[in-house]
Amino acid sequence: MGSFSIWHWLIVLLIVVMVFGTKKLKNLGGDLGGAVKGFKDGMKEGGASADDKPAAATAADEKTTIDVQAKPKS
């Protein structure tokens, strides 16, 4: 009862194609593929640059950090 046959899936596919059209579905597939590719590239860049950023941030922080003595509030 919970399992669909191939005919159920074909009818669902036919209805989806009739509602959205083949051109819109093709564009949607291309956009989805581009988004997945961009995500994968971002994950690769994020892993590589994560090692480089702390050293660069430390050097920048040393130039702009001002050491002061904290005084208790009176």
Protein backbone atom coordinates (compact mmCIF):
# COMPACT_ATOMS: atom_id res chain seq x y z
CA MET A 1 0.00 0.00 0.00
CA GLY A 2 2.87 2.42 0.73
CA SER A 3 4.78 1.46 -2.41
CA PHE A 4 4.17 3.18 -5.73
CA SER A 5 4.47 1.35 -9.02
CA ILE A 6 6.22 2.68 -12.11
CA TRP A 7 2.85 3.75 -13.53
CA HIS A 8 2.20 6.04 -10.56
CA TRP A 9 5.57 7.75 -11.04
CA LEU A 10 4.99 8.14 -14.79
CA ILE A 11 1.62 9.79 -14.18
CA VAL A 12 3.17 12.15 -11.62
CA LEU A 13 5.98 13.00 -14.07
CA LEU A 14 3.45 13.66 -16.86
CA ILE A 15 1.44 16.00 -14.63
CA VAL A 16 4.58 17.89 -13.55
CA VAL A 17 5.66 18.32 -17.19
CA MET A 18 2.19 19.52 -18.15
CA VAL A 19 2.08 22.05 -15.30
CA PHE A 20 5.60 23.47 -15.56
CA GLY A 21 6.61 22.73 -19.14
CA THR A 22 9.84 21.20 -20.36
CA LYS A 23 11.70 24.50 -20.76
CA LYS A 24 11.14 25.56 -17.16
CA LEU A 25 12.12 22.10 -15.88
CA LYS A 26 15.30 22.20 -17.98
CA ASN A 27 16.22 25.61 -16.55
CA LEU A 28 15.45 24.42 -13.05
CA GLY A 29 17.75 21.41 -13.50
CA GLY A 30 20.56 23.62 -14.81
CA ASP A 31 20.18 26.06 -11.94
CA LEU A 32 20.19 23.27 -9.40
CA GLY A 33 23.32 21.74 -10.94
CA GLY A 34 25.07 25.13 -10.91
CA ALA A 35 24.16 25.66 -7.28
CA VAL A 36 25.54 22.26 -6.29
CA LYS A 37 28.76 22.93 -8.22
CA GLY A 38 29.14 26.34 -6.59
CA PHE A 39 28.59 24.81 -3.16
CA LYS A 40 31.26 22.17 -3.76
CA ASP A 41 33.73 24.79 -5.01
CA GLY A 42 32.99 26.95 -1.97
CA MET A 43 33.63 24.04 0.36
CA LYS A 44 36.99 23.36 -1.30
CA GLU A 45 38.01 27.05 -1.09
CA GLY A 46 36.79 27.32 2.50
CA GLY A 47 38.95 24.41 3.62
CA ALA A 48 42.06 25.73 1.87
CA SER A 49 41.73 29.35 3.00
CA ALA A 50 40.80 28.47 6.59
CA ASP A 51 44.45 27.55 7.23
CA ASP A 52 45.70 30.82 5.70
CA LYS A 53 43.32 33.24 7.43
CA PRO A 54 44.46 32.91 11.08
CA ALA A 55 48.03 33.87 10.21
CA ALA A 56 46.88 36.88 8.18
CA ALA A 57 44.39 37.94 10.84
CA THR A 58 47.05 37.71 13.57
CA ALA A 59 49.44 39.93 11.61
CA ALA A 60 46.69 42.50 11.03
CA ASP A 61 45.60 42.40 14.68
CA GLU A 62 49.14 43.09 15.92
CA LYS A 63 49.27 46.30 13.89
CA THR A 64 45.96 47.67 15.15
CA THR A 65 45.88 46.40 18.74
CA ILE A 66 46.39 48.95 21.51
CA ASP A 67 47.25 47.67 24.99
CA VAL A 68 45.68 49.61 27.84
CA GLN A 69 45.30 49.08 31.56
CA ALA A 70 41.73 48.37 32.66
CA LYS A 71 40.64 50.46 35.64
CA PRO A 72 37.84 49.41 37.99
CA LYS A 73 34.63 51.38 37.71
CA SER A 74 34.14 53.79 40.59
